[in-house]
Amino acid sequence: MSASPRLTGGNRGLWALRVPLEHLGARMFPEMISVSQADVAFTPDGRLADPKQTKRMRQSITDFVALVGAVRSGA
């Protein structure tokens, strides 16, 4: 996940980190989430302001937990 003023900066940062980690053999979660306009994307209490982003983030976390469970069980 990245949060930056613009979408391209966050995406570039994610790929810049992902490529060398994959090369080193790290297991990577397939989905990458970039939150653009980070200065206004969050409410004062730290939640995502956009309900669509919130839904996507929750689904991504659910999928991540499922992946971790599958890896731990040897699937």
N, C-alpha and C. Protein backbone atom coordinates (compact mmCIF):
# COMPACT_ATOMS: atom_id res chain seq x y z
N MET A 1 0.84 -1.16 0.00
CA MET A 1 0.00 0.00 0.00
C MET A 1 0.88 1.22 0.00
N SER A 2 0.44 2.24 -0.73
CA SER A 2 1.13 3.52 -0.70
C SER A 2 0.10 4.63 -0.56
N ALA A 3 0.54 5.74 -0.03
CA ALA A 3 -0.29 6.94 0.05
C ALA A 3 0.60 8.10 -0.35
N SER A 4 0.19 8.83 -1.37
CA SER A 4 0.99 9.93 -1.87
C SER A 4 0.08 10.99 -2.47
N PRO A 5 0.63 12.18 -2.75
CA PRO A 5 -0.20 13.22 -3.35
C PRO A 5 -0.77 12.84 -4.71
N ARG A 6 -0.03 12.04 -5.47
CA ARG A 6 -0.49 11.64 -6.80
C ARG A 6 -0.38 10.13 -6.95
N LEU A 7 -1.25 9.57 -7.78
CA LEU A 7 -1.29 8.12 -7.96
C LEU A 7 0.01 7.57 -8.54
N THR A 8 0.60 8.30 -9.48
CA THR A 8 1.80 7.78 -10.13
C THR A 8 2.97 7.62 -9.17
N GLY A 9 3.12 8.54 -8.23
CA GLY A 9 4.21 8.44 -7.27
C GLY A 9 4.10 7.21 -6.40
N GLY A 10 2.89 6.95 -5.93
CA GLY A 10 2.67 5.77 -5.10
C GLY A 10 2.91 4.48 -5.86
N ASN A 11 2.42 4.43 -7.10
CA ASN A 11 2.61 3.23 -7.92
C ASN A 11 4.08 3.00 -8.22
N ARG A 12 4.79 4.05 -8.53
CA ARG A 12 6.23 3.90 -8.81
C ARG A 12 6.97 3.38 -7.58
N GLY A 13 6.60 3.91 -6.43
CA GLY A 13 7.24 3.46 -5.19
C GLY A 13 6.96 1.99 -4.91
N LEU A 14 5.72 1.57 -5.14
CA LEU A 14 5.37 0.17 -4.91
C LEU A 14 6.17 -0.76 -5.83
N TRP A 15 6.26 -0.40 -7.10
CA TRP A 15 7.00 -1.24 -8.04
C TRP A 15 8.50 -1.21 -7.74
N ALA A 16 9.01 -0.06 -7.33
CA ALA A 16 10.44 0.05 -7.02
C ALA A 16 10.82 -0.86 -5.85
N LEU A 17 9.89 -1.09 -4.94
CA LEU A 17 10.15 -1.98 -3.82
C LEU A 17 9.85 -3.43 -4.17
N ARG A 18 8.80 -3.64 -4.92
CA ARG A 18 8.34 -5.00 -5.23
C ARG A 18 9.35 -5.79 -6.08
N VAL A 19 9.89 -5.17 -7.10
CA VAL A 19 10.78 -5.87 -8.04
C VAL A 19 12.00 -6.46 -7.33
N PRO A 20 12.75 -5.69 -6.55
CA PRO A 20 13.90 -6.32 -5.89
C PRO A 20 13.51 -7.37 -4.85
N LEU A 21 12.39 -7.15 -4.16
CA LEU A 21 11.96 -8.15 -3.18
C LEU A 21 11.60 -9.47 -3.86
N GLU A 22 10.91 -9.39 -5.00
CA GLU A 22 10.60 -10.62 -5.74
C GLU A 22 11.87 -11.30 -6.22
N HIS A 23 12.82 -10.51 -6.68
CA HIS A 23 14.10 -11.05 -7.15
C HIS A 23 14.83 -11.80 -6.03
N LEU A 24 14.66 -11.32 -4.81
CA LEU A 24 15.30 -11.97 -3.66
C LEU A 24 14.51 -13.17 -3.16
N GLY A 25 13.38 -13.44 -3.81
CA GLY A 25 12.60 -14.63 -3.45
C GLY A 25 11.50 -14.39 -2.43
N ALA A 26 11.20 -13.15 -2.14
CA ALA A 26 10.14 -12.86 -1.17
C ALA A 26 8.78 -13.22 -1.77
N ARG A 27 7.92 -13.74 -0.94
CA ARG A 27 6.55 -14.03 -1.38
C ARG A 27 5.79 -12.71 -1.31
N MET A 28 5.24 -12.31 -2.44
CA MET A 28 4.56 -11.01 -2.52
C MET A 28 3.06 -11.20 -2.69
N PHE A 29 2.29 -10.38 -2.00
CA PHE A 29 0.85 -10.36 -2.18
C PHE A 29 0.57 -9.71 -3.52
N PRO A 30 -0.25 -10.34 -4.37
CA PRO A 30 -0.42 -9.84 -5.74
C PRO A 30 -0.99 -8.43 -5.87
N GLU A 31 -1.89 -8.06 -4.98
CA GLU A 31 -2.56 -6.77 -5.13
C GLU A 31 -1.75 -5.65 -4.49
N MET A 32 -1.68 -4.53 -5.19
CA MET A 32 -1.04 -3.34 -4.66
C MET A 32 -2.10 -2.24 -4.63
N ILE A 33 -2.17 -1.51 -3.54
CA ILE A 33 -3.15 -0.44 -3.41
C ILE A 33 -2.41 0.88 -3.26
N SER A 34 -2.78 1.84 -4.09
CA SER A 34 -2.24 3.19 -4.00
C SER A 34 -3.36 4.15 -3.66
N VAL A 35 -3.17 4.92 -2.62
CA VAL A 35 -4.13 5.95 -2.24
C VAL A 35 -3.57 7.28 -2.71
N SER A 36 -4.22 7.87 -3.70
CA SER A 36 -3.76 9.17 -4.19
C SER A 36 -4.42 10.28 -3.39
N GLN A 37 -3.92 11.48 -3.55
CA GLN A 37 -4.39 12.66 -2.82
C GLN A 37 -4.43 12.36 -1.32
N ALA A 38 -3.33 11.81 -0.84
CA ALA A 38 -3.26 11.37 0.55
C ALA A 38 -3.53 12.49 1.54
N ASP A 39 -3.29 13.72 1.13
CA ASP A 39 -3.52 14.84 2.04
C ASP A 39 -5.00 15.05 2.35
N VAL A 40 -5.89 14.54 1.49
CA VAL A 40 -7.34 14.69 1.72
C VAL A 40 -8.07 13.34 1.71
N ALA A 41 -7.34 12.25 1.55
CA ALA A 41 -7.97 10.93 1.41
C ALA A 41 -8.43 10.34 2.74
N PHE A 42 -7.99 10.92 3.85
CA PHE A 42 -8.31 10.37 5.16
C PHE A 42 -9.11 11.36 5.99
N THR A 43 -9.99 10.82 6.81
CA THR A 43 -10.76 11.64 7.74
C THR A 43 -9.86 12.03 8.91
N PRO A 44 -10.28 12.99 9.73
CA PRO A 44 -9.45 13.39 10.88
C PRO A 44 -9.12 12.24 11.83
N ASP A 45 -9.98 11.22 11.89
CA ASP A 45 -9.69 10.08 12.77
C ASP A 45 -8.88 8.98 12.08
N GLY A 46 -8.39 9.25 10.85
CA GLY A 46 -7.48 8.33 10.17
C GLY A 46 -8.13 7.30 9.27
N ARG A 47 -9.42 7.39 9.06
CA ARG A 47 -10.11 6.44 8.17
C ARG A 47 -10.10 6.97 6.74
N LEU A 48 -10.20 6.04 5.79
CA LEU A 48 -10.32 6.46 4.40
C LEU A 48 -11.65 7.18 4.21
N ALA A 49 -11.63 8.30 3.52
CA ALA A 49 -12.84 9.10 3.33
C ALA A 49 -13.74 8.53 2.24
N ASP A 50 -13.16 7.86 1.26
CA ASP A 50 -13.93 7.33 0.13
C ASP A 50 -14.43 5.93 0.45
N PRO A 51 -15.75 5.72 0.46
CA PRO A 51 -16.29 4.39 0.77
C PRO A 51 -15.80 3.30 -0.19
N LYS A 52 -15.57 3.66 -1.45
CA LYS A 52 -15.07 2.67 -2.42
C LYS A 52 -13.66 2.22 -2.04
N GLN A 53 -12.83 3.17 -1.64
CA GLN A 53 -11.46 2.83 -1.20
C GLN A 53 -11.51 1.96 0.06
N THR A 54 -12.42 2.30 0.96
CA THR A 54 -12.56 1.51 2.19
C THR A 54 -12.95 0.08 1.86
N LYS A 55 -13.91 -0.08 0.97
CA LYS A 55 -14.35 -1.42 0.58
C LYS A 55 -13.21 -2.20 -0.07
N ARG A 56 -12.47 -1.53 -0.94
CA ARG A 56 -11.34 -2.19 -1.62
C ARG A 56 -10.26 -2.59 -0.61
N MET A 57 -9.99 -1.71 0.33
CA MET A 57 -8.97 -2.00 1.34
C MET A 57 -9.40 -3.18 2.22
N ARG A 58 -10.65 -3.19 2.63
CA ARG A 58 -11.14 -4.31 3.46
C ARG A 58 -11.06 -5.63 2.70
N GLN A 59 -11.43 -5.61 1.42
CA GLN A 59 -11.36 -6.83 0.63
C GLN A 59 -9.91 -7.29 0.47
N SER A 60 -9.02 -6.34 0.27
CA SER A 60 -7.61 -6.67 0.13
C SER A 60 -7.07 -7.30 1.42
N ILE A 61 -7.45 -6.76 2.55
CA ILE A 61 -7.00 -7.31 3.83
C ILE A 61 -7.56 -8.71 4.03
N THR A 62 -8.83 -8.90 3.69
CA THR A 62 -9.45 -10.23 3.79
C THR A 62 -8.70 -11.23 2.91
N ASP A 63 -8.39 -10.82 1.68
CA ASP A 63 -7.66 -11.69 0.76
C ASP A 63 -6.25 -11.99 1.28
N PHE A 64 -5.61 -10.99 1.87
CA PHE A 64 -4.27 -11.18 2.42
C PHE A 64 -4.29 -12.19 3.56
N VAL A 65 -5.25 -12.05 4.45
CA VAL A 65 -5.37 -12.98 5.58
C VAL A 65 -5.62 -14.39 5.07
N ALA A 66 -6.44 -14.53 4.04
CA ALA A 66 -6.70 -15.86 3.45
C ALA A 66 -5.42 -16.44 2.86
N LEU A 67 -4.64 -15.62 2.18
CA LEU A 67 -3.37 -16.08 1.60
C LEU A 67 -2.41 -16.54 2.70
N VAL A 68 -2.30 -15.76 3.75
CA VAL A 68 -1.41 -16.13 4.85
C VAL A 68 -1.87 -17.45 5.48
N GLY A 69 -3.18 -17.60 5.65
CA GLY A 69 -3.70 -18.86 6.19
C GLY A 69 -3.38 -20.04 5.31
N ALA A 70 -3.50 -19.85 4.00
CA ALA A 70 -3.19 -20.94 3.06
C ALA A 70 -1.71 -21.29 3.10
N VAL A 71 -0.86 -20.29 3.18
CA VAL A 71 0.58 -20.54 3.23
C VAL A 71 0.95 -21.26 4.53
N ARG A 72 0.37 -20.83 5.62
CA ARG A 72 0.67 -21.46 6.92
C ARG A 72 0.21 -22.91 6.98
N SER A 73 -0.88 -23.21 6.27
CA SER A 73 -1.39 -24.59 6.30
C SER A 73 -0.72 -25.47 5.25
N GLY A 74 0.20 -24.88 4.47
CA GLY A 74 0.94 -25.65 3.49
C GLY A 74 0.28 -25.76 2.14
N ALA A 75 -0.75 -24.98 1.88
CA ALA A 75 -1.44 -25.03 0.58
C ALA A 75 -0.62 -24.38 -0.50
